[in-house]
C-alpha cells in the first residue's frame, strides 16, 4: 500500500482540489509545474503525467497544446480529474506496475512529469521499479522531470528517499541527470529541502 494511501485513506481528492482552487482564487500561481514542462518540450509533445492526482498540471498542459495522458493510483483524485476534464485520458494504475501499452497507450512519450512528492509517497521499496517503468515509457532522448521534498518542512510524511538514492535509481533505469533546481520556477538548487530534477533517457 502506498504511503499516500496510508496518509489519506484514498479519499482526499475533493479536499486536495479545493485547496488548490483556494490558492488560485487568492492569486497564487498554481501552474509552475506546467510552465516548467512547457519550457522543456514544444506544444504537441506527448506528456505522461505520472501521479497526476486531480489533474491540475495535465489539464494546464493540455490547454497549452500538449498531448497528455494521466495516471494515478488514487481513485478519489482521478474522479476529480475526470470531472474537470472528461475529454482527457485518465487511467488508474500503480507506477511500479505501469505498462502504457496494456492501457492502449503508445510508450513513446517525449516527457514524463512526476510532481507533487510522488516518489516520496509511493509504497516503500517501489521507487526503483516505478522509475524503470517510467523510463520504458519514454522515447529515446525523452525527459523525466520530478519534484519532491527532502525534509519534514516539505513533506507530509518523513522522507524515505534521498537525492543520492534517487539519482542511483535513475541511473540504474538508464536515465542521466541533465539539471536540478530548487523550485518549479527553475531557481538554482542550493542543497535545500526541495528538488526538481531533469533526467534524460
N, C-alpha and C. Protein backbone atom coordinates (compact mmCIF):
# COMPACT_ATOMS: atom_id res chain seq x y z
N UNK A 1 0.85 -1.20 0.00
CA UNK A 1 0.00 0.00 0.00
C UNK A 1 0.89 1.25 0.00
N UNK A 2 0.49 2.26 -0.75
CA UNK A 2 1.32 3.46 -0.87
C UNK A 2 1.30 4.27 0.42
N UNK A 3 2.35 5.04 0.61
CA UNK A 3 2.41 5.95 1.76
C UNK A 3 1.31 7.01 1.64
N UNK A 4 0.97 7.37 0.41
CA UNK A 4 -0.11 8.32 0.18
C UNK A 4 -1.43 7.77 0.70
N UNK A 5 -1.71 6.51 0.41
CA UNK A 5 -2.95 5.92 0.88
C UNK A 5 -2.96 5.79 2.39
N UNK A 6 -1.81 5.47 2.97
CA UNK A 6 -1.71 5.42 4.43
C UNK A 6 -2.04 6.78 5.04
N UNK A 7 -1.62 7.84 4.35
CA UNK A 7 -1.81 9.20 4.85
C UNK A 7 -3.24 9.68 4.69
N UNK A 8 -3.87 9.34 3.56
CA UNK A 8 -5.17 9.93 3.21
C UNK A 8 -6.34 8.95 3.21
N UNK A 9 -6.03 7.66 3.19
CA UNK A 9 -7.10 6.68 3.08
C UNK A 9 -7.70 6.61 1.69
N UNK A 10 -7.06 7.27 0.72
CA UNK A 10 -7.55 7.24 -0.66
C UNK A 10 -8.85 7.99 -0.86
N UNK A 11 -9.11 8.98 -0.01
CA UNK A 11 -10.39 9.70 -0.10
C UNK A 11 -10.22 11.22 -0.14
N UNK A 12 -9.04 11.68 -0.50
CA UNK A 12 -8.74 13.11 -0.34
C UNK A 12 -8.89 13.94 -1.61
N UNK A 13 -9.41 13.35 -2.68
CA UNK A 13 -9.47 14.06 -3.95
C UNK A 13 -10.15 15.41 -3.88
N UNK A 14 -11.33 15.45 -3.29
CA UNK A 14 -12.08 16.71 -3.22
C UNK A 14 -11.36 17.75 -2.37
N UNK A 15 -10.82 17.33 -1.24
CA UNK A 15 -10.10 18.26 -0.36
C UNK A 15 -8.85 18.80 -1.05
N UNK A 16 -8.15 17.94 -1.74
CA UNK A 16 -6.94 18.35 -2.44
C UNK A 16 -7.26 19.38 -3.52
N UNK A 17 -8.30 19.11 -4.29
CA UNK A 17 -8.71 20.04 -5.35
C UNK A 17 -9.15 21.37 -4.75
N UNK A 18 -9.88 21.33 -3.65
CA UNK A 18 -10.37 22.55 -3.02
C UNK A 18 -9.21 23.42 -2.53
N UNK A 19 -8.17 22.78 -2.03
CA UNK A 19 -7.02 23.54 -1.52
C UNK A 19 -6.36 24.33 -2.65
N UNK A 20 -6.17 23.70 -3.80
CA UNK A 20 -5.53 24.40 -4.91
C UNK A 20 -6.48 25.43 -5.54
N UNK A 21 -7.77 25.15 -5.53
CA UNK A 21 -8.73 26.13 -6.03
C UNK A 21 -8.69 27.39 -5.17
N UNK A 22 -8.57 27.21 -3.86
CA UNK A 22 -8.49 28.36 -2.95
C UNK A 22 -7.21 29.14 -3.19
N UNK A 23 -6.11 28.45 -3.43
CA UNK A 23 -4.85 29.13 -3.73
C UNK A 23 -4.97 29.95 -5.01
N UNK A 24 -5.61 29.38 -6.03
CA UNK A 24 -5.77 30.10 -7.29
C UNK A 24 -6.63 31.33 -7.11
N UNK A 25 -7.70 31.21 -6.34
CA UNK A 25 -8.58 32.36 -6.09
C UNK A 25 -7.86 33.46 -5.34
N UNK A 26 -6.89 33.09 -4.51
CA UNK A 26 -6.15 34.09 -3.73
C UNK A 26 -5.07 34.79 -4.56
N UNK A 27 -4.91 34.37 -5.81
CA UNK A 27 -3.93 34.99 -6.68
C UNK A 27 -2.61 34.24 -6.77
N UNK A 28 -2.50 33.11 -6.08
CA UNK A 28 -1.27 32.32 -6.14
C UNK A 28 -1.14 31.65 -7.51
N UNK A 29 0.09 31.55 -7.97
CA UNK A 29 0.37 30.84 -9.22
C UNK A 29 0.36 29.34 -8.93
N UNK A 30 -0.55 28.62 -9.56
CA UNK A 30 -0.63 27.17 -9.33
C UNK A 30 -0.21 26.39 -10.58
N UNK A 31 0.47 27.07 -11.51
CA UNK A 31 0.83 26.41 -12.77
C UNK A 31 2.34 26.36 -13.00
N UNK A 32 3.12 26.41 -11.91
CA UNK A 32 4.56 26.39 -12.07
C UNK A 32 5.08 25.13 -12.72
N UNK A 33 4.51 23.98 -12.35
CA UNK A 33 4.97 22.72 -12.93
C UNK A 33 4.72 22.68 -14.44
N UNK A 34 3.52 23.10 -14.84
CA UNK A 34 3.20 23.08 -16.26
C UNK A 34 4.08 24.06 -17.04
N UNK A 35 4.33 25.21 -16.47
CA UNK A 35 5.19 26.19 -17.14
C UNK A 35 6.62 25.64 -17.27
N UNK A 36 7.10 24.97 -16.24
CA UNK A 36 8.43 24.36 -16.28
C UNK A 36 8.50 23.32 -17.41
N UNK A 37 7.50 22.47 -17.48
CA UNK A 37 7.48 21.43 -18.53
C UNK A 37 7.40 22.04 -19.92
N UNK A 38 6.62 23.10 -20.06
CA UNK A 38 6.45 23.74 -21.37
C UNK A 38 7.74 24.38 -21.85
N UNK A 39 8.66 24.68 -20.94
CA UNK A 39 9.95 25.23 -21.34
C UNK A 39 10.90 24.14 -21.84
N UNK A 40 10.55 22.88 -21.60
CA UNK A 40 11.43 21.77 -21.98
C UNK A 40 11.07 21.13 -23.31
N UNK A 41 9.79 21.06 -23.60
CA UNK A 41 9.33 20.43 -24.84
C UNK A 41 8.27 21.31 -25.50
N UNK A 42 8.19 21.30 -26.84
CA UNK A 42 7.26 22.20 -27.53
C UNK A 42 5.83 21.70 -27.50
N UNK A 43 4.87 22.59 -27.72
CA UNK A 43 3.47 22.16 -27.83
C UNK A 43 3.33 21.05 -28.87
N UNK A 44 2.45 20.13 -28.58
CA UNK A 44 2.29 18.96 -29.43
C UNK A 44 3.05 17.76 -28.93
N UNK A 45 4.02 17.96 -28.04
CA UNK A 45 4.78 16.85 -27.47
C UNK A 45 3.86 15.97 -26.63
N UNK A 46 4.21 14.69 -26.57
CA UNK A 46 3.45 13.73 -25.76
C UNK A 46 3.97 13.76 -24.33
N UNK A 47 3.06 13.94 -23.38
CA UNK A 47 3.43 14.08 -21.97
C UNK A 47 2.64 13.07 -21.14
N UNK A 48 3.37 12.33 -20.30
CA UNK A 48 2.74 11.44 -19.33
C UNK A 48 2.83 12.10 -17.97
N UNK A 49 1.68 12.38 -17.36
CA UNK A 49 1.64 12.92 -16.00
C UNK A 49 1.48 11.73 -15.06
N UNK A 50 2.59 11.33 -14.45
CA UNK A 50 2.63 10.14 -13.61
C UNK A 50 2.39 10.53 -12.16
N UNK A 51 1.30 10.04 -11.59
CA UNK A 51 0.86 10.54 -10.30
C UNK A 51 0.13 11.86 -10.50
N UNK A 52 -0.80 11.84 -11.46
CA UNK A 52 -1.45 13.08 -11.93
C UNK A 52 -2.39 13.69 -10.91
N UNK A 53 -2.81 12.92 -9.90
CA UNK A 53 -3.72 13.46 -8.90
C UNK A 53 -5.01 13.96 -9.51
N UNK A 54 -5.41 15.16 -9.14
CA UNK A 54 -6.67 15.73 -9.63
C UNK A 54 -6.53 16.38 -11.00
N UNK A 55 -5.34 16.29 -11.59
CA UNK A 55 -5.17 16.73 -12.97
C UNK A 55 -4.75 18.16 -13.17
N UNK A 56 -4.40 18.86 -12.10
CA UNK A 56 -4.07 20.28 -12.23
C UNK A 56 -2.97 20.54 -13.25
N UNK A 57 -1.88 19.78 -13.21
CA UNK A 57 -0.77 20.02 -14.12
C UNK A 57 -1.14 19.60 -15.54
N UNK A 58 -1.72 18.42 -15.67
CA UNK A 58 -2.02 17.91 -17.00
C UNK A 58 -3.08 18.75 -17.72
N UNK A 59 -4.09 19.18 -17.01
CA UNK A 59 -5.13 19.99 -17.65
C UNK A 59 -4.53 21.28 -18.20
N UNK A 60 -3.63 21.89 -17.44
CA UNK A 60 -2.97 23.10 -17.92
C UNK A 60 -2.11 22.81 -19.14
N UNK A 61 -1.37 21.71 -19.12
CA UNK A 61 -0.54 21.37 -20.28
C UNK A 61 -1.41 21.09 -21.51
N UNK A 62 -2.54 20.43 -21.32
CA UNK A 62 -3.44 20.20 -22.45
C UNK A 62 -3.95 21.51 -23.01
N UNK A 63 -4.24 22.46 -22.14
CA UNK A 63 -4.68 23.79 -22.60
C UNK A 63 -3.60 24.48 -23.42
N UNK A 64 -2.34 24.17 -23.12
CA UNK A 64 -1.21 24.77 -23.85
C UNK A 64 -0.85 24.01 -25.13
N UNK A 65 -1.61 22.94 -25.41
CA UNK A 65 -1.42 22.25 -26.68
C UNK A 65 -0.64 20.97 -26.63
N UNK A 66 -0.45 20.41 -25.43
CA UNK A 66 0.29 19.16 -25.30
C UNK A 66 -0.64 17.95 -25.37
N UNK A 67 -0.11 16.84 -25.86
CA UNK A 67 -0.84 15.58 -25.99
C UNK A 67 -0.58 14.78 -24.71
N UNK A 68 -1.54 14.78 -23.80
CA UNK A 68 -1.29 14.31 -22.44
C UNK A 68 -2.05 13.04 -22.07
N UNK A 69 -1.43 12.27 -21.19
CA UNK A 69 -2.05 11.10 -20.57
C UNK A 69 -1.78 11.19 -19.07
N UNK A 70 -2.80 10.94 -18.25
CA UNK A 70 -2.63 10.99 -16.81
C UNK A 70 -2.83 9.63 -16.17
N UNK A 71 -1.98 9.33 -15.19
CA UNK A 71 -2.05 8.05 -14.46
C UNK A 71 -1.93 8.33 -12.97
N UNK A 72 -2.78 7.70 -12.19
CA UNK A 72 -2.70 7.82 -10.73
C UNK A 72 -3.31 6.57 -10.12
N UNK A 73 -2.91 6.28 -8.89
CA UNK A 73 -3.44 5.12 -8.17
C UNK A 73 -4.69 5.46 -7.36
N UNK A 74 -4.85 6.73 -7.00
CA UNK A 74 -5.91 7.17 -6.09
C UNK A 74 -7.19 7.47 -6.87
N UNK A 75 -8.21 6.62 -6.68
CA UNK A 75 -9.46 6.78 -7.42
C UNK A 75 -10.17 8.09 -7.09
N UNK A 76 -10.03 8.57 -5.85
CA UNK A 76 -10.70 9.82 -5.47
C UNK A 76 -10.10 11.01 -6.20
N UNK A 77 -8.78 10.97 -6.43
CA UNK A 77 -8.13 12.05 -7.17
C UNK A 77 -8.54 11.98 -8.64
N UNK A 78 -8.55 10.78 -9.20
CA UNK A 78 -8.92 10.62 -10.61
C UNK A 78 -10.37 11.02 -10.85
N UNK A 79 -11.23 10.81 -9.88
CA UNK A 79 -12.64 11.20 -10.05
C UNK A 79 -12.75 12.70 -10.28
N UNK A 80 -11.95 13.47 -9.54
CA UNK A 80 -11.94 14.93 -9.74
C UNK A 80 -11.39 15.27 -11.13
N UNK A 81 -10.28 14.63 -11.50
CA UNK A 81 -9.68 14.90 -12.81
C UNK A 81 -10.66 14.61 -13.94
N UNK A 82 -11.35 13.50 -13.85
CA UNK A 82 -12.31 13.13 -14.90
C UNK A 82 -13.49 14.07 -14.95
N UNK A 83 -13.89 14.58 -13.81
CA UNK A 83 -14.98 15.57 -13.78
C UNK A 83 -14.54 16.89 -14.39
N UNK A 84 -13.31 17.32 -14.07
CA UNK A 84 -12.81 18.60 -14.54
C UNK A 84 -12.44 18.58 -16.02
N UNK A 85 -12.00 17.44 -16.53
CA UNK A 85 -11.59 17.35 -17.93
C UNK A 85 -11.93 15.96 -18.47
N UNK A 86 -13.23 15.71 -18.69
CA UNK A 86 -13.65 14.38 -19.13
C UNK A 86 -13.15 14.00 -20.52
N UNK A 87 -12.70 14.98 -21.27
CA UNK A 87 -12.21 14.71 -22.62
C UNK A 87 -10.78 14.19 -22.65
N UNK A 88 -10.10 14.26 -21.52
CA UNK A 88 -8.69 13.83 -21.46
C UNK A 88 -8.59 12.39 -20.95
N UNK A 89 -7.51 11.68 -21.33
CA UNK A 89 -7.36 10.29 -20.92
C UNK A 89 -6.75 10.14 -19.53
N UNK A 90 -7.51 9.57 -18.62
CA UNK A 90 -7.08 9.35 -17.24
C UNK A 90 -7.14 7.85 -16.96
N UNK A 91 -6.07 7.32 -16.35
CA UNK A 91 -6.01 5.89 -16.07
C UNK A 91 -5.61 5.66 -14.63
N UNK A 92 -6.20 4.61 -14.02
CA UNK A 92 -5.80 4.21 -12.68
C UNK A 92 -4.77 3.10 -12.79
N UNK A 93 -3.59 3.32 -12.22
CA UNK A 93 -2.53 2.33 -12.27
C UNK A 93 -1.48 2.67 -11.23
N UNK A 94 -0.79 1.63 -10.77
CA UNK A 94 0.35 1.77 -9.87
C UNK A 94 1.59 2.01 -10.74
N UNK A 95 2.35 3.05 -10.46
CA UNK A 95 3.52 3.36 -11.29
C UNK A 95 4.53 2.23 -11.30
N UNK A 96 4.59 1.46 -10.23
CA UNK A 96 5.56 0.36 -10.17
C UNK A 96 5.19 -0.78 -11.11
N UNK A 97 3.93 -0.81 -11.58
CA UNK A 97 3.46 -1.85 -12.50
C UNK A 97 3.03 -1.27 -13.84
N UNK A 98 3.30 -0.02 -14.08
CA UNK A 98 2.74 0.67 -15.23
C UNK A 98 3.23 0.08 -16.56
N UNK A 99 2.30 -0.22 -17.44
CA UNK A 99 2.59 -0.61 -18.81
C UNK A 99 1.62 0.14 -19.72
N UNK A 100 2.04 1.29 -20.27
CA UNK A 100 1.12 2.08 -21.08
C UNK A 100 0.45 1.28 -22.20
N UNK A 101 1.18 0.35 -22.79
CA UNK A 101 0.62 -0.43 -23.89
C UNK A 101 -0.56 -1.28 -23.44
N UNK A 102 -0.53 -1.74 -22.19
CA UNK A 102 -1.66 -2.50 -21.66
C UNK A 102 -2.90 -1.63 -21.51
N UNK A 103 -2.68 -0.31 -21.43
CA UNK A 103 -3.80 0.64 -21.36
C UNK A 103 -4.22 1.12 -22.75
N UNK A 104 -3.54 0.61 -23.78
CA UNK A 104 -3.83 1.05 -25.14
C UNK A 104 -3.15 2.35 -25.50
N UNK A 105 -2.05 2.67 -24.80
CA UNK A 105 -1.34 3.93 -24.99
C UNK A 105 0.07 3.63 -25.48
N UNK A 106 0.52 4.34 -26.51
CA UNK A 106 1.88 4.14 -27.02
C UNK A 106 2.90 4.57 -25.99
N UNK A 107 3.97 3.78 -25.85
CA UNK A 107 5.02 4.08 -24.87
C UNK A 107 6.15 4.84 -25.55
N UNK A 108 5.84 6.05 -26.01
CA UNK A 108 6.87 6.86 -26.69
C UNK A 108 6.73 8.33 -26.29
N UNK A 109 6.63 8.56 -25.00
CA UNK A 109 6.42 9.92 -24.51
C UNK A 109 7.69 10.76 -24.65
N UNK A 110 7.49 12.03 -24.95
CA UNK A 110 8.60 12.98 -25.00
C UNK A 110 9.00 13.43 -23.61
N UNK A 111 8.03 13.44 -22.70
CA UNK A 111 8.26 13.92 -21.34
C UNK A 111 7.38 13.16 -20.37
N UNK A 112 7.96 12.73 -19.28
CA UNK A 112 7.21 12.21 -18.13
C UNK A 112 7.41 13.19 -16.99
N UNK A 113 6.31 13.67 -16.42
CA UNK A 113 6.40 14.58 -15.28
C UNK A 113 5.84 13.88 -14.06
N UNK A 114 6.61 13.95 -12.96
CA UNK A 114 6.22 13.31 -11.70
C UNK A 114 6.31 14.38 -10.62
N UNK A 115 5.22 15.10 -10.42
CA UNK A 115 5.19 16.22 -9.49
C UNK A 115 4.50 15.80 -8.19
N UNK A 116 4.42 16.74 -7.25
CA UNK A 116 3.60 16.51 -6.06
C UNK A 116 4.14 15.49 -5.07
N UNK A 117 5.46 15.38 -4.94
CA UNK A 117 6.06 14.48 -3.94
C UNK A 117 5.78 13.01 -4.20
N UNK A 118 5.43 12.66 -5.44
CA UNK A 118 5.01 11.28 -5.74
C UNK A 118 6.05 10.26 -5.29
N UNK A 119 7.31 10.50 -5.59
CA UNK A 119 8.32 9.49 -5.27
C UNK A 119 8.55 9.31 -3.78
N UNK A 120 8.13 10.29 -2.98
CA UNK A 120 8.21 10.13 -1.53
C UNK A 120 6.96 9.45 -0.97
N UNK A 121 5.93 9.30 -1.80
CA UNK A 121 4.64 8.82 -1.32
C UNK A 121 4.21 7.48 -1.90
N UNK A 122 5.03 6.91 -2.80
CA UNK A 122 4.72 5.57 -3.31
C UNK A 122 4.99 4.54 -2.22
N UNK A 123 4.59 3.31 -2.46
CA UNK A 123 4.83 2.25 -1.48
C UNK A 123 6.32 2.06 -1.25
N UNK A 124 6.66 1.75 -0.03
CA UNK A 124 8.06 1.54 0.33
C UNK A 124 8.71 0.52 -0.61
N UNK A 125 9.90 0.84 -1.08
CA UNK A 125 10.66 -0.09 -1.89
C UNK A 125 10.28 -0.17 -3.35
N UNK A 126 9.41 0.75 -3.81
CA UNK A 126 8.94 0.65 -5.21
C UNK A 126 9.48 1.76 -6.11
N UNK A 127 10.31 2.66 -5.60
CA UNK A 127 10.81 3.77 -6.42
C UNK A 127 11.59 3.25 -7.63
N UNK A 128 12.46 2.27 -7.40
CA UNK A 128 13.28 1.74 -8.50
C UNK A 128 12.40 1.14 -9.59
N UNK A 129 11.41 0.36 -9.19
CA UNK A 129 10.51 -0.25 -10.17
C UNK A 129 9.72 0.80 -10.93
N UNK A 130 9.24 1.82 -10.21
CA UNK A 130 8.49 2.89 -10.87
C UNK A 130 9.36 3.61 -11.90
N UNK A 131 10.61 3.88 -11.54
CA UNK A 131 11.50 4.57 -12.48
C UNK A 131 11.80 3.71 -13.70
N UNK A 132 11.94 2.42 -13.51
CA UNK A 132 12.14 1.53 -14.65
C UNK A 132 10.94 1.58 -15.59
N UNK A 133 9.75 1.55 -15.04
CA UNK A 133 8.53 1.59 -15.85
C UNK A 133 8.38 2.93 -16.57
N UNK A 134 8.67 4.01 -15.87
CA UNK A 134 8.54 5.33 -16.48
C UNK A 134 9.60 5.56 -17.55
N UNK A 135 10.79 5.06 -17.32
CA UNK A 135 11.84 5.17 -18.34
C UNK A 135 11.44 4.40 -19.59
N UNK A 136 10.85 3.23 -19.41
CA UNK A 136 10.41 2.44 -20.56
C UNK A 136 9.30 3.13 -21.34
N UNK A 137 8.58 4.04 -20.68
CA UNK A 137 7.51 4.76 -21.37
C UNK A 137 8.03 5.94 -22.20
N UNK A 138 9.31 6.30 -22.00
CA UNK A 138 9.91 7.43 -22.72
C UNK A 138 10.48 6.98 -24.06
N UNK A 139 10.40 7.85 -25.04
CA UNK A 139 11.14 7.61 -26.28
C UNK A 139 12.62 7.85 -26.00
N UNK A 140 13.52 7.27 -26.80
CA UNK A 140 14.95 7.59 -26.64
C UNK A 140 15.17 9.10 -26.73
N UNK A 141 15.89 9.65 -25.78
CA UNK A 141 16.10 11.09 -25.73
C UNK A 141 15.03 11.85 -24.97
N UNK A 142 13.98 11.14 -24.53
CA UNK A 142 12.91 11.78 -23.78
C UNK A 142 13.37 12.19 -22.39
N UNK A 143 12.58 13.03 -21.74
CA UNK A 143 12.93 13.61 -20.44
C UNK A 143 11.99 13.13 -19.35
N UNK A 144 12.54 12.91 -18.16
CA UNK A 144 11.75 12.66 -16.97
C UNK A 144 12.02 13.79 -15.99
N UNK A 145 10.96 14.45 -15.55
CA UNK A 145 11.06 15.57 -14.62
C UNK A 145 10.31 15.21 -13.35
N UNK A 146 10.97 15.36 -12.22
CA UNK A 146 10.31 15.08 -10.94
C UNK A 146 10.60 16.20 -9.96
N UNK A 147 9.66 16.39 -9.04
CA UNK A 147 9.86 17.35 -7.97
C UNK A 147 9.35 16.76 -6.68
N UNK A 148 10.19 16.77 -5.64
CA UNK A 148 9.73 16.24 -4.35
C UNK A 148 10.55 16.82 -3.21
N UNK A 149 9.91 16.83 -2.04
CA UNK A 149 10.56 17.31 -0.84
C UNK A 149 11.56 16.31 -0.31
N UNK A 150 12.48 16.84 0.50
CA UNK A 150 13.55 16.02 1.05
C UNK A 150 13.63 16.09 2.57
N UNK A 151 12.77 16.89 3.17
CA UNK A 151 12.80 17.02 4.63
C UNK A 151 11.40 17.26 5.16
N UNK A 152 11.30 17.31 6.48
CA UNK A 152 9.99 17.42 7.13
C UNK A 152 9.27 18.72 6.79
N UNK A 153 10.02 19.76 6.44
CA UNK A 153 9.39 21.04 6.11
C UNK A 153 8.69 21.01 4.75
N UNK A 154 9.04 20.03 3.92
CA UNK A 154 8.50 19.97 2.56
C UNK A 154 7.68 18.71 2.29
N UNK A 155 7.40 17.93 3.32
CA UNK A 155 6.69 16.67 3.13
C UNK A 155 5.65 16.44 4.23
N UNK A 156 4.56 15.75 3.88
CA UNK A 156 3.56 15.41 4.90
C UNK A 156 3.90 14.14 5.67
N UNK A 157 4.97 13.46 5.26
CA UNK A 157 5.43 12.23 5.91
C UNK A 157 6.96 12.32 6.04
N UNK A 158 7.56 11.53 6.92
CA UNK A 158 9.03 11.54 6.99
C UNK A 158 9.63 11.13 5.65
N UNK A 159 10.71 11.77 5.22
CA UNK A 159 11.30 11.41 3.92
C UNK A 159 11.81 9.98 3.92
N UNK A 160 11.63 9.30 2.79
CA UNK A 160 12.11 7.93 2.65
C UNK A 160 13.10 7.80 1.51
N UNK A 161 13.38 8.91 0.82
CA UNK A 161 14.22 8.89 -0.38
C UNK A 161 15.14 10.10 -0.36
N UNK A 162 16.43 9.87 -0.53
CA UNK A 162 17.39 10.97 -0.65
C UNK A 162 17.66 11.24 -2.13
N UNK A 163 18.26 12.38 -2.42
CA UNK A 163 18.61 12.67 -3.81
C UNK A 163 19.64 11.69 -4.34
N UNK A 164 20.58 11.30 -3.52
CA UNK A 164 21.58 10.32 -3.95
C UNK A 164 20.92 9.00 -4.33
N UNK A 165 19.99 8.56 -3.49
CA UNK A 165 19.28 7.32 -3.80
C UNK A 165 18.46 7.47 -5.08
N UNK A 166 17.81 8.62 -5.23
CA UNK A 166 17.00 8.85 -6.42
C UNK A 166 17.87 8.82 -7.68
N UNK A 167 18.99 9.50 -7.64
CA UNK A 167 19.88 9.52 -8.80
C UNK A 167 20.42 8.12 -9.11
N UNK A 168 20.70 7.35 -8.07
CA UNK A 168 21.17 5.97 -8.28
C UNK A 168 20.09 5.14 -8.95
N UNK A 169 18.84 5.28 -8.49
CA UNK A 169 17.74 4.55 -9.13
C UNK A 169 17.55 4.99 -10.59
N UNK A 170 17.67 6.30 -10.82
CA UNK A 170 17.55 6.81 -12.19
C UNK A 170 18.64 6.22 -13.07
N UNK A 171 19.87 6.21 -12.57
CA UNK A 171 20.97 5.66 -13.33
C UNK A 171 20.77 4.20 -13.66
N UNK A 172 20.28 3.43 -12.69
CA UNK A 172 20.02 2.01 -12.92
C UNK A 172 18.93 1.80 -13.96
N UNK A 173 18.01 2.76 -14.06
CA UNK A 173 16.93 2.65 -15.04
C UNK A 173 17.34 3.13 -16.42
N UNK A 174 18.53 3.71 -16.54
CA UNK A 174 19.01 4.18 -17.84
C UNK A 174 18.82 5.67 -18.06
N UNK A 175 18.69 6.42 -16.98
CA UNK A 175 18.50 7.86 -17.06
C UNK A 175 19.76 8.60 -16.63
N UNK A 176 19.98 9.77 -17.22
CA UNK A 176 21.14 10.61 -16.91
C UNK A 176 20.67 11.98 -16.45
N UNK A 177 21.23 12.48 -15.35
CA UNK A 177 20.84 13.79 -14.84
C UNK A 177 21.25 14.89 -15.82
N UNK A 178 20.31 15.76 -16.14
CA UNK A 178 20.55 16.92 -17.00
C UNK A 178 20.71 18.18 -16.17
N UNK A 179 19.79 18.39 -15.22
CA UNK A 179 19.83 19.60 -14.41
C UNK A 179 18.99 19.41 -13.17
N UNK A 180 19.22 20.27 -12.20
CA UNK A 180 18.46 20.20 -10.94
C UNK A 180 18.21 21.62 -10.45
N UNK A 181 17.00 21.84 -9.92
CA UNK A 181 16.58 23.16 -9.47
C UNK A 181 15.96 23.06 -8.09
N UNK A 182 15.82 24.19 -7.43
CA UNK A 182 15.24 24.23 -6.09
C UNK A 182 13.73 24.43 -6.12
N UNK A 183 13.20 24.90 -7.26
CA UNK A 183 11.77 25.18 -7.39
C UNK A 183 11.34 24.91 -8.82
N UNK A 184 10.02 24.90 -9.02
CA UNK A 184 9.47 24.79 -10.37
C UNK A 184 9.64 26.09 -11.15
N UNK A 185 10.11 27.14 -10.51
CA UNK A 185 10.47 28.37 -11.20
C UNK A 185 11.92 28.36 -11.67
N UNK A 186 12.57 27.20 -11.53
CA UNK A 186 13.94 26.98 -12.01
C UNK A 186 14.99 27.76 -11.24
N UNK A 187 14.72 28.03 -9.96
CA UNK A 187 15.76 28.61 -9.12
C UNK A 187 16.88 27.59 -8.94
N UNK A 188 18.14 28.03 -8.89
CA UNK A 188 19.26 27.09 -8.77
C UNK A 188 19.14 26.24 -7.51
N UNK A 189 19.47 24.97 -7.63
CA UNK A 189 19.43 24.09 -6.45
C UNK A 189 20.60 24.42 -5.53
N UNK A 190 20.30 24.58 -4.24
CA UNK A 190 21.29 25.01 -3.27
C UNK A 190 21.47 24.01 -2.14
N UNK A 191 21.03 22.79 -2.36
CA UNK A 191 21.15 21.79 -1.32
C UNK A 191 20.01 21.82 -0.32
N UNK A 192 18.94 22.54 -0.62
CA UNK A 192 17.82 22.69 0.29
C UNK A 192 16.88 21.50 0.30
N UNK A 193 15.70 21.73 0.89
CA UNK A 193 14.76 20.65 1.18
C UNK A 193 13.80 20.29 0.09
N UNK A 194 13.94 20.89 -1.10
CA UNK A 194 13.07 20.53 -2.22
C UNK A 194 13.92 20.55 -3.48
N UNK A 195 13.69 19.58 -4.36
CA UNK A 195 14.48 19.50 -5.59
C UNK A 195 13.60 19.13 -6.77
N UNK A 196 13.83 19.82 -7.87
CA UNK A 196 13.22 19.49 -9.16
C UNK A 196 14.34 18.98 -10.06
N UNK A 197 14.23 17.75 -10.50
CA UNK A 197 15.31 17.11 -11.25
C UNK A 197 14.86 16.78 -12.66
N UNK A 198 15.77 16.99 -13.61
CA UNK A 198 15.52 16.67 -15.01
C UNK A 198 16.53 15.60 -15.43
N UNK A 199 16.03 14.46 -15.85
CA UNK A 199 16.87 13.37 -16.36
C UNK A 199 16.46 13.07 -17.81
N UNK A 200 17.39 12.57 -18.60
CA UNK A 200 17.01 12.14 -19.96
C UNK A 200 17.38 10.69 -20.18
N UNK A 201 16.61 10.10 -21.08
CA UNK A 201 16.86 8.69 -21.41
C UNK A 201 17.88 8.61 -22.54
